[in-house]
């Protein structure tokens, strides 16, 4: 384990005069301002990451034709700055429209298809295969979901003979490498229009487990709530999920609901299989009517930049789900109906422990440090500070040299503040020994504790949560 966040109380032994504060990302901007005259917009199940092969940030974004699903294709954009992205480059005089766009993702025949999720395999057991794409079968009549490898991330060889699911995953169906479990996961639905969250796993991309349901609406959700999809992103020692809650139109009578608003809530998991939902409030809420994101906003990608900023890219629309056909029938302009928005969140800033009076105290459960490194993500006022003392893991008594009286105060707004003591600079003398960390806070806010460690449960250490 590397990081302690405060999404739950699992590793907290004591908290005095502290409250858990849930944070939301702040809106930065809409990403695109120029749209091909014959498309609904650019959005979809986008992927954003730093591509080590190209030395740039890349974004895969879908281009929606007037009917959105039939004929959708994907283009790849590149940027040196993850805050600023170029509009897709196109020649509007060329037909069909997809052939007029630059950097379109194609299959082995050179034909466009909806490559739902694309990502580099860097850091996985299949890194030598380049890039991996997961999607549903390009032929809408075939009820299966497929994948493909690509050496360059632009031309994929689709493995039609080995579908990862014998159902059409007409939703976000991204993959991730679960290093803790030692397998790949594809996040999908149990079946095509069953709007719950499920996963399919594989170790070799030849054999796949049946879909296993991970999340479904419960008694705290509004009647009729459906989970449209849930992008999952490995983050520190956790998996962060952005579940898309669809609240269907209550007046719609057909079985498969098409009308409704979509917002994003925050979920998390320690192993990628057992999921916990946080506060039942939007993590990314719909914007005002008339704005992009006023009808739907799907948090898609959580990007930690190379300078430790946390950016969230969302697929958004001007109206609710499937509103554009009504607009088209009414003769309204639908160009730019879909687009992308950018939000920003403090690193580790999902929630924090904050003093509600003058002083507060936080104590962890017993852990065993594996190195001498310890840092805190915190924020104080100008005139206050945080001090850290280390306790014996078994007795709970302060360890000489690491007491509050010997601690050097930490002030300011810091992502990686390193505690120091009068005679000690780190935890090196305590490596391999059970300890507890106690943090005394005065008018302060704590977002994370970073320490490579094992947990100490019972009489034996364990590396898992």
Protein backbone atom coordinates (compact mmCIF):
# COMPACT_ATOMS: atom_id res chain seq x y z
CA UNK A 1 0.00 0.00 0.00
CA UNK A 2 1.22 3.48 -0.86
CA UNK A 3 -1.48 6.00 0.05
CA UNK A 4 -4.17 6.47 2.67
CA UNK A 5 -7.17 8.44 1.43
CA UNK A 6 -10.22 9.25 3.52
CA UNK A 7 -13.08 7.84 1.47
CA UNK A 8 -13.96 5.64 4.46
CA UNK A 9 -12.84 4.91 8.04
CA UNK A 10 -11.05 1.66 7.29
CA UNK A 11 -7.58 2.86 8.27
CA UNK A 12 -8.64 5.49 10.81
CA UNK A 13 -8.41 4.57 14.47
CA UNK A 14 -9.23 7.95 15.99
CA UNK A 15 -10.50 11.29 14.80
CA UNK A 16 -11.20 14.17 17.16
CA UNK A 17 -12.85 17.45 16.09
CA UNK A 18 -12.49 16.53 12.42
CA UNK A 19 -15.18 16.31 9.76
CA UNK A 20 -15.03 14.56 6.43
CA UNK A 21 -15.58 17.07 3.63
CA UNK A 22 -16.56 15.82 0.18
CA UNK A 23 -15.25 17.90 -2.68
CA UNK A 24 -16.30 18.39 -6.27
CA UNK A 25 -14.17 19.29 -9.27
CA UNK A 26 -14.50 22.82 -10.58
CA UNK A 27 -15.49 23.53 -14.16
CA UNK A 28 -12.66 24.74 -16.40
CA UNK A 29 -14.05 24.98 -19.91
CA UNK A 30 -15.67 23.36 -22.93
CA UNK A 31 -12.99 21.79 -25.11
CA UNK A 32 -14.21 22.23 -28.69
CA UNK A 33 -15.65 25.25 -30.48
CA UNK A 34 -15.65 24.18 -34.14
CA UNK A 35 -17.82 21.33 -35.37
CA UNK A 36 -18.15 19.72 -38.78
CA UNK A 37 -21.41 21.05 -40.29
CA UNK A 38 -22.89 17.57 -40.72
CA UNK A 39 -22.26 16.03 -37.29
CA UNK A 40 -23.93 16.13 -33.90
CA UNK A 41 -20.61 16.82 -32.26
CA UNK A 42 -17.51 15.29 -30.70
CA UNK A 43 -17.84 13.35 -27.49
CA UNK A 44 -18.57 9.73 -26.70
CA UNK A 45 -16.54 7.40 -24.54
CA UNK A 46 -13.33 9.36 -24.80
CA UNK A 47 -9.94 8.22 -23.58
CA UNK A 48 -7.24 10.64 -22.43
CA UNK A 49 -3.75 9.62 -21.29
CA UNK A 50 -0.10 10.45 -21.62
CA UNK A 51 1.30 8.29 -24.40
CA UNK A 52 4.92 7.35 -23.69
CA UNK A 53 5.34 6.17 -27.27
CA UNK A 54 4.45 9.58 -28.70
CA UNK A 55 5.70 11.74 -25.84
CA UNK A 56 2.37 13.59 -25.83
CA UNK A 57 -1.05 13.54 -24.24
CA UNK A 58 -3.57 11.88 -26.54
CA UNK A 59 -7.34 11.89 -26.68
CA UNK A 60 -9.54 9.45 -28.57
CA UNK A 61 -12.91 11.09 -29.18
CA UNK A 62 -15.96 9.95 -31.13
CA UNK A 63 -17.47 11.93 -33.98
CA UNK A 64 -21.25 11.56 -34.03
CA UNK A 65 -23.08 11.69 -37.35
CA UNK A 66 -26.71 12.92 -37.43
CA UNK A 67 -28.00 9.56 -36.11
CA UNK A 68 -25.29 9.30 -33.42
CA UNK A 69 -24.75 5.53 -33.35
CA UNK A 70 -24.78 4.30 -36.98
CA UNK A 71 -21.67 5.61 -38.65
CA UNK A 72 -19.92 6.91 -35.54
CA UNK A 73 -16.14 6.94 -35.81
CA UNK A 74 -13.19 7.95 -33.64
CA UNK A 75 -10.32 10.38 -34.16
CA UNK A 76 -7.12 10.75 -32.18
CA UNK A 77 -5.98 14.17 -31.01
CA UNK A 78 -2.57 15.06 -29.59
CA UNK A 79 -1.46 17.83 -27.26
CA UNK A 80 1.55 18.92 -25.22
CA UNK A 81 -0.79 20.63 -22.76
CA UNK A 82 -3.69 18.55 -21.34
CA UNK A 83 -5.69 21.76 -20.77
CA UNK A 84 -5.67 22.72 -24.44
CA UNK A 85 -6.74 20.47 -27.29
CA UNK A 86 -7.06 21.17 -31.00
CA UNK A 87 -10.40 20.87 -32.70
CA UNK A 88 -10.59 17.79 -34.95
CA UNK A 89 -9.29 18.71 -38.39
CA UNK A 90 -11.66 18.02 -41.28
CA UNK A 91 -12.49 18.86 -44.87
CA UNK A 92 -16.25 19.37 -45.09
CA UNK A 93 -16.27 18.92 -48.88
CA UNK A 94 -15.39 15.22 -48.66
CA UNK A 95 -18.03 12.52 -48.41
CA UNK A 96 -18.62 10.34 -46.55
CA UNK A 97 -17.76 12.72 -43.74
CA UNK A 98 -15.35 10.37 -41.93
CA UNK A 99 -12.96 10.36 -44.88
CA UNK A 100 -12.58 14.09 -44.55
CA UNK A 101 -11.25 13.87 -40.99
CA UNK A 102 -7.61 13.57 -40.04
CA UNK A 103 -6.33 10.73 -37.81
CA UNK A 104 -9.37 8.45 -37.92
CA UNK A 105 -9.12 5.09 -36.14
CA UNK A 106 -9.69 2.27 -38.65
CA UNK A 107 -9.79 -1.51 -38.82
CA UNK A 108 -7.43 -3.77 -40.76
CA UNK A 109 -9.39 -3.01 -43.95
CA UNK A 110 -8.97 0.73 -43.51
CA UNK A 111 -12.64 1.24 -42.63
CA UNK A 112 -13.93 3.42 -39.83
CA UNK A 113 -15.70 1.85 -36.86
CA UNK A 114 -16.70 2.96 -33.37
CA UNK A 115 -13.61 2.14 -31.35
CA UNK A 116 -15.24 2.76 -27.97
CA UNK A 117 -12.15 2.56 -25.74
CA UNK A 118 -8.52 2.86 -26.82
CA UNK A 119 -5.47 2.85 -24.58
CA UNK A 120 -1.79 2.01 -24.62
CA UNK A 121 -0.76 -1.31 -23.10
CA UNK A 122 2.28 0.32 -21.50
CA UNK A 123 2.83 -1.14 -18.03
CA UNK A 124 0.82 -4.32 -18.66
CA UNK A 125 1.91 -7.91 -19.49
CA UNK A 126 0.92 -7.27 -23.12
CA UNK A 127 2.95 -4.07 -23.56
CA UNK A 128 4.58 -5.48 -26.70
CA UNK A 129 1.17 -5.48 -28.44
CA UNK A 130 1.06 -1.67 -28.51
CA UNK A 131 -2.53 -0.54 -27.99
CA UNK A 132 -5.76 -2.29 -27.06
CA UNK A 133 -9.28 -1.37 -28.14
CA UNK A 134 -12.54 -2.71 -26.70
CA UNK A 135 -15.91 -2.12 -28.33
CA UNK A 136 -19.04 -3.86 -29.50
CA UNK A 137 -19.22 -5.64 -32.86
CA UNK A 138 -19.20 -3.06 -35.69
CA UNK A 139 -22.06 -4.93 -37.36
CA UNK A 140 -25.08 -3.90 -35.29
CA UNK A 141 -26.86 -7.13 -36.24
CA UNK A 142 -24.19 -9.19 -34.46
CA UNK A 143 -24.80 -9.35 -30.71
CA UNK A 144 -21.27 -9.61 -29.42
CA UNK A 145 -18.47 -7.40 -28.14
CA UNK A 146 -14.96 -7.52 -29.53
CA UNK A 147 -11.44 -6.19 -29.05
CA UNK A 148 -8.38 -5.50 -31.14
CA UNK A 149 -4.66 -4.80 -30.89
CA UNK A 150 -2.76 -2.11 -32.76
CA UNK A 151 0.96 -1.33 -33.07
CA UNK A 152 0.31 2.41 -33.46
CA UNK A 153 -3.10 3.04 -31.88
CA UNK A 154 -4.63 3.95 -35.24
CA UNK A 155 -5.13 0.73 -37.23
CA UNK A 156 -6.57 -2.19 -35.28
CA UNK A 157 -6.82 -5.86 -36.08
CA UNK A 158 -10.20 -6.77 -34.61
CA UNK A 159 -10.50 -10.23 -33.06
CA UNK A 160 -13.96 -11.18 -34.30
CA UNK A 161 -13.50 -14.87 -33.52
CA UNK A 162 -12.95 -14.30 -29.78
CA UNK A 163 -15.64 -11.93 -28.47
CA UNK A 164 -15.17 -10.91 -24.86
CA UNK A 165 -18.94 -10.90 -24.31
CA UNK A 166 -21.77 -12.53 -26.23
CA UNK A 167 -23.86 -9.41 -25.91
CA UNK A 168 -23.74 -5.99 -27.52
CA UNK A 169 -22.09 -3.66 -25.00
CA UNK A 170 -23.68 -0.48 -26.33
CA UNK A 171 -22.09 1.62 -23.60
CA UNK A 172 -18.69 2.54 -22.14
CA UNK A 173 -16.83 -0.75 -22.09
CA UNK A 174 -13.31 0.24 -21.22
CA UNK A 175 -10.57 -2.09 -20.04
CA UNK A 176 -8.00 -1.75 -17.27
CA UNK A 177 -5.10 -3.80 -15.97
CA UNK A 178 -5.82 -4.83 -12.38
CA UNK A 179 -2.25 -5.29 -11.15
CA UNK A 180 -3.34 -6.32 -7.68
CA UNK A 181 -5.49 -9.18 -8.96
CA UNK A 182 -3.31 -10.07 -11.94
CA UNK A 183 -5.98 -9.84 -14.62
CA UNK A 184 -7.55 -7.42 -17.07
CA UNK A 185 -11.06 -6.13 -16.45
CA UNK A 186 -13.58 -4.83 -18.94
CA UNK A 187 -16.32 -2.75 -17.32
CA UNK A 188 -19.60 -3.31 -19.11
CA UNK A 189 -23.26 -4.24 -18.57
CA UNK A 190 -24.51 -7.74 -17.72
CA UNK A 191 -26.32 -7.76 -21.10
CA UNK A 192 -27.13 -5.18 -23.75
CA UNK A 193 -29.89 -3.03 -22.21
CA UNK A 194 -29.50 -4.17 -18.58
CA UNK A 195 -28.34 -0.84 -17.18
CA UNK A 196 -26.24 -2.07 -14.30
CA UNK A 197 -22.48 -2.26 -13.94
CA UNK A 198 -20.66 -5.54 -14.57
CA UNK A 199 -17.15 -6.75 -15.31
CA UNK A 200 -15.59 -9.38 -17.56
CA UNK A 201 -12.05 -10.52 -16.73
CA UNK A 202 -9.23 -12.18 -18.67
CA UNK A 203 -5.54 -12.87 -18.28
CA UNK A 204 -4.67 -13.71 -21.88
CA UNK A 205 -7.33 -12.11 -24.15
CA UNK A 206 -8.33 -15.57 -25.27
CA UNK A 207 -10.49 -16.76 -22.40
CA UNK A 208 -13.06 -14.56 -20.66
CA UNK A 209 -15.18 -14.95 -17.56
CA UNK A 210 -18.95 -14.45 -17.72
CA UNK A 211 -20.10 -10.94 -16.73
CA UNK A 212 -20.19 -10.40 -12.96
CA UNK A 213 -22.48 -7.65 -11.66
CA UNK A 214 -20.65 -5.04 -9.59
CA UNK A 215 -23.22 -2.32 -8.90
CA UNK A 216 -26.93 -1.76 -9.27
CA UNK A 217 -29.33 0.92 -8.00
CA UNK A 218 -30.43 0.48 -4.40
CA UNK A 219 -33.09 1.78 -2.03
CA UNK A 220 -31.38 5.16 -1.67
CA UNK A 221 -31.74 5.88 -5.39
CA UNK A 222 -34.78 7.46 -6.97
CA UNK A 223 -37.34 4.99 -8.37
CA UNK A 224 -36.43 4.06 -11.93
CA UNK A 225 -32.76 5.01 -11.61
CA UNK A 226 -30.45 3.20 -14.02
CA UNK A 227 -26.66 2.98 -14.14
CA UNK A 228 -25.78 3.83 -17.69
CA UNK A 229 -22.06 3.08 -17.42
CA UNK A 230 -19.06 3.48 -15.11
CA UNK A 231 -15.52 4.33 -16.24
CA UNK A 232 -12.97 2.90 -13.80
CA UNK A 233 -9.50 4.38 -13.32
CA UNK A 234 -6.73 2.93 -11.12
CA UNK A 235 -5.72 5.64 -8.66
CA UNK A 236 -2.98 5.13 -6.08
CA UNK A 237 -4.09 2.02 -4.08
CA UNK A 238 -7.71 2.32 -5.17
CA UNK A 239 -9.93 2.10 -8.19
CA UNK A 240 -12.01 5.21 -8.74
CA UNK A 241 -15.32 4.78 -10.54
CA UNK A 242 -17.47 7.51 -12.05
CA UNK A 243 -20.90 5.94 -12.23
CA UNK A 244 -23.37 7.54 -14.63
CA UNK A 245 -26.80 7.79 -13.02
CA UNK A 246 -29.63 8.03 -15.50
CA UNK A 247 -32.97 9.25 -14.19
CA UNK A 248 -35.40 8.28 -16.96
CA UNK A 249 -38.39 10.30 -17.97
CA UNK A 250 -41.21 9.16 -15.66
CA UNK A 251 -43.79 9.65 -18.41
CA UNK A 252 -42.07 7.27 -20.82
CA UNK A 253 -43.88 3.93 -21.00
CA UNK A 254 -41.67 1.78 -23.23
CA UNK A 255 -39.52 -0.85 -21.55
CA UNK A 256 -36.12 0.50 -22.63
CA UNK A 257 -36.10 4.10 -21.50
CA UNK A 258 -34.47 6.59 -23.83
CA UNK A 259 -35.33 9.97 -22.31
CA UNK A 260 -33.69 11.13 -19.13
CA UNK A 261 -30.93 13.18 -17.51
CA UNK A 262 -27.51 11.77 -16.64
CA UNK A 263 -25.11 12.92 -13.91
CA UNK A 264 -21.92 11.43 -12.48
CA UNK A 265 -21.43 10.07 -8.95
CA UNK A 266 -18.24 8.90 -7.24
CA UNK A 267 -17.55 5.26 -6.33
CA UNK A 268 -14.43 3.40 -5.29
CA UNK A 269 -13.02 -0.08 -4.76
CA UNK A 270 -9.92 -1.53 -3.12
CA UNK A 271 -9.75 -4.53 -5.46
CA UNK A 272 -11.77 -3.60 -8.55
CA UNK A 273 -14.52 -6.11 -7.75
CA UNK A 274 -16.17 -4.95 -4.52
CA UNK A 275 -17.51 -1.42 -4.90
CA UNK A 276 -18.61 1.26 -2.47
CA UNK A 277 -20.71 4.29 -3.30
CA UNK A 278 -19.90 7.56 -1.59
CA UNK A 279 -22.32 10.41 -0.82
CA UNK A 280 -25.42 10.23 -2.98
CA UNK A 281 -24.80 13.58 -4.57
CA UNK A 282 -23.41 14.38 -8.00
CA UNK A 283 -19.64 14.39 -8.21
CA UNK A 284 -20.06 16.09 -11.59
CA UNK A 285 -23.53 17.62 -11.88
CA UNK A 286 -25.39 18.74 -14.97
CA UNK A 287 -24.93 22.41 -15.79
CA UNK A 288 -27.66 24.98 -16.34
CA UNK A 289 -30.21 24.42 -19.10
CA UNK A 290 -28.96 25.70 -22.44
CA UNK A 291 -25.31 24.94 -21.67
CA UNK A 292 -23.26 22.00 -22.85
CA UNK A 293 -23.77 19.47 -20.08
CA UNK A 294 -27.19 20.85 -19.20
CA UNK A 295 -28.86 17.56 -20.08
CA UNK A 296 -26.16 14.94 -19.58
CA UNK A 297 -22.66 14.89 -18.21
CA UNK A 298 -20.68 11.65 -18.13
CA UNK A 299 -17.36 11.79 -16.27
CA UNK A 300 -15.14 9.69 -18.55
CA UNK A 301 -11.47 10.12 -17.79
CA UNK A 302 -9.54 10.96 -14.65
CA UNK A 303 -6.09 12.13 -15.75
CA UNK A 304 -3.24 12.74 -13.35
CA UNK A 305 -0.91 15.01 -15.27
CA UNK A 306 2.84 14.77 -15.15
CA UNK A 307 2.89 17.81 -12.83
CA UNK A 308 0.34 16.21 -10.42
CA UNK A 309 -2.82 17.98 -11.47
CA UNK A 310 -6.02 15.99 -11.59
CA UNK A 311 -8.17 16.62 -14.67
CA UNK A 312 -11.57 15.13 -15.45
CA UNK A 313 -12.79 14.92 -19.02
CA UNK A 314 -16.53 14.48 -19.50
CA UNK A 315 -18.83 13.68 -22.37
CA UNK A 316 -21.67 16.19 -22.33
CA UNK A 317 -24.77 17.17 -24.27
CA UNK A 318 -27.05 20.16 -24.59
CA UNK A 319 -30.17 18.10 -23.88
CA UNK A 320 -31.15 14.93 -22.11
CA UNK A 321 -30.49 11.42 -23.39
CA UNK A 322 -31.73 10.95 -26.96
CA UNK A 323 -33.15 14.49 -27.16
CA UNK A 324 -31.58 15.26 -30.52
CA UNK A 325 -34.12 13.29 -32.69
CA UNK A 326 -36.92 15.50 -31.36
CA UNK A 327 -34.82 18.56 -32.13
CA UNK A 328 -34.20 17.33 -35.65
CA UNK A 329 -37.90 16.66 -36.22
CA UNK A 330 -38.63 20.18 -35.05
CA UNK A 331 -36.11 21.55 -37.54
CA UNK A 332 -33.70 22.76 -34.85
CA UNK A 333 -29.95 22.96 -35.25
CA UNK A 334 -28.19 19.96 -33.65
CA UNK A 335 -24.62 20.73 -34.69
CA UNK A 336 -22.59 20.71 -31.47
CA UNK A 337 -25.26 18.88 -29.48
CA UNK A 338 -22.47 16.69 -28.09
CA UNK A 339 -19.17 17.99 -26.78
CA UNK A 340 -16.47 17.62 -24.16
CA UNK A 341 -16.00 19.50 -20.90
CA UNK A 342 -12.97 19.79 -18.64
CA UNK A 343 -13.01 19.93 -14.83
CA UNK A 344 -10.13 20.06 -12.37
CA UNK A 345 -9.76 18.60 -8.89
CA UNK A 346 -6.97 18.93 -6.36
CA UNK A 347 -4.71 15.88 -6.29
CA UNK A 348 -6.31 13.40 -3.83
CA UNK A 349 -9.10 15.95 -3.46
CA UNK A 350 -12.08 13.61 -3.48
CA UNK A 351 -12.56 14.27 0.22
CA UNK A 352 -10.59 15.54 3.19
CA UNK A 353 -10.42 15.54 6.97
CA UNK A 354 -10.91 19.12 8.16
CA UNK A 355 -10.87 20.66 11.63
CA UNK A 356 -14.29 21.98 12.61
CA UNK A 357 -12.93 23.84 15.61
CA UNK A 358 -9.49 25.13 16.41
CA UNK A 359 -7.68 21.83 16.91
CA UNK A 360 -8.17 18.31 15.62
CA UNK A 361 -6.40 14.97 15.72
CA UNK A 362 -6.22 12.01 13.37
CA UNK A 363 -4.65 8.64 14.21
CA UNK A 364 -4.20 5.77 11.79
CA UNK A 365 -4.50 2.09 12.55
CA UNK A 366 -1.30 0.09 12.88
CA UNK A 367 0.81 -0.16 9.73
CA UNK A 368 4.34 -1.36 8.96
CA UNK A 369 6.43 1.09 6.89
CA UNK A 370 8.45 -0.48 4.08
CA UNK A 371 10.65 2.58 3.48
CA UNK A 372 11.44 5.74 5.40
CA UNK A 373 9.23 7.88 3.15
CA UNK A 374 6.23 9.73 4.57
CA UNK A 375 4.43 12.74 3.08
CA UNK A 376 1.14 14.55 3.61
CA UNK A 377 -1.20 16.33 1.22
CA UNK A 378 -2.52 19.19 3.38
CA UNK A 379 -3.62 22.77 3.65
CA UNK A 380 -3.41 25.13 6.65
CA UNK A 381 -4.00 28.81 7.29
CA UNK A 382 -1.04 31.20 7.33
CA UNK A 383 -0.84 31.21 11.11
CA UNK A 384 -1.45 27.52 11.88
CA UNK A 385 0.35 24.23 11.35
CA UNK A 386 0.25 20.44 11.44
CA UNK A 387 2.55 18.29 13.55
CA UNK A 388 3.13 14.55 13.29
CA UNK A 389 4.10 12.03 15.91
CA UNK A 390 4.71 8.32 15.52
CA UNK A 391 3.29 5.86 18.02
CA UNK A 392 4.28 2.29 18.81
CA UNK A 393 1.94 0.07 16.81
CA UNK A 394 1.13 -2.23 19.71
CA UNK A 395 1.11 -0.01 22.80
CA UNK A 396 0.08 3.30 21.24
CA UNK A 397 2.82 5.19 23.16
CA UNK A 398 4.87 7.93 21.41
CA UNK A 399 8.24 6.73 20.10
CA UNK A 400 11.17 8.81 21.40
CA UNK A 401 12.48 11.12 18.72
CA UNK A 402 9.08 11.14 16.94
CA UNK A 403 6.93 12.92 19.56
CA UNK A 404 4.74 15.99 19.01
CA UNK A 405 7.12 18.04 21.13
CA UNK A 406 9.97 17.13 18.74
CA UNK A 407 7.93 17.56 15.56
CA UNK A 408 8.71 20.48 13.23
CA UNK A 409 5.44 22.29 12.33
CA UNK A 410 4.20 22.10 8.70
CA UNK A 411 2.27 25.06 7.27
CA UNK A 412 0.85 26.14 3.93
CA UNK A 413 -0.73 24.38 0.97
CA UNK A 414 1.42 21.38 0.06
CA UNK A 415 0.84 18.20 -1.95
CA UNK A 416 3.85 16.30 -0.59
CA UNK A 417 4.80 17.83 2.75
CA UNK A 418 7.46 15.72 4.47
CA UNK A 419 7.23 15.56 8.29
CA UNK A 420 10.47 16.20 10.16
CA UNK A 421 11.55 16.01 13.78
CA UNK A 422 14.35 17.75 15.61
CA UNK A 423 16.79 14.87 15.30
CA UNK A 424 15.10 12.69 12.65
CA UNK A 425 14.40 13.36 8.98
CA UNK A 426 12.27 10.34 8.04
CA UNK A 427 11.01 6.94 9.21
CA UNK A 428 14.08 4.91 8.24
CA UNK A 429 14.73 3.66 11.82
CA UNK A 430 11.15 2.32 11.93
CA UNK A 431 11.11 0.32 8.68
CA UNK A 432 9.58 -3.12 9.28
CA UNK A 433 8.20 -2.16 12.70
CA UNK A 434 4.49 -1.70 13.55
CA UNK A 435 3.59 1.97 14.03
CA UNK A 436 0.63 4.30 14.12
CA UNK A 437 0.71 7.81 12.67
CA UNK A 438 -0.87 10.59 14.73
CA UNK A 439 -1.44 14.00 13.16
CA UNK A 440 -2.25 17.04 15.29
CA UNK A 441 -4.00 19.69 13.18
CA UNK A 442 -4.76 23.31 13.95
CA UNK A 443 -7.20 24.94 11.50
CA UNK A 444 -6.06 22.53 8.82
CA UNK A 445 -7.27 20.12 6.17
CA UNK A 446 -5.69 16.77 5.32
CA UNK A 447 -6.25 15.09 1.94
CA UNK A 448 -3.89 12.10 1.96
CA UNK A 449 -1.08 10.31 3.76
CA UNK A 450 1.54 8.76 1.50
CA UNK A 451 3.62 5.99 3.01
CA UNK A 452 4.77 2.69 1.43
CA UNK A 453 3.54 0.19 4.01
CA UNK A 454 1.84 -3.05 4.87
CA UNK A 455 -1.20 -3.32 7.07
CA UNK A 456 -0.92 -4.97 10.45
CA UNK A 457 -4.01 -7.02 11.17
CA UNK A 458 -4.03 -9.36 14.12
CA UNK A 459 -0.51 -10.61 14.64
CA UNK A 460 0.54 -10.81 11.01
CA UNK A 461 1.30 -8.10 8.41
CA UNK A 462 -0.60 -8.13 5.15
CA UNK A 463 -0.04 -6.23 1.93
CA UNK A 464 -3.69 -6.19 0.93
CA UNK A 465 -6.62 -4.09 2.02
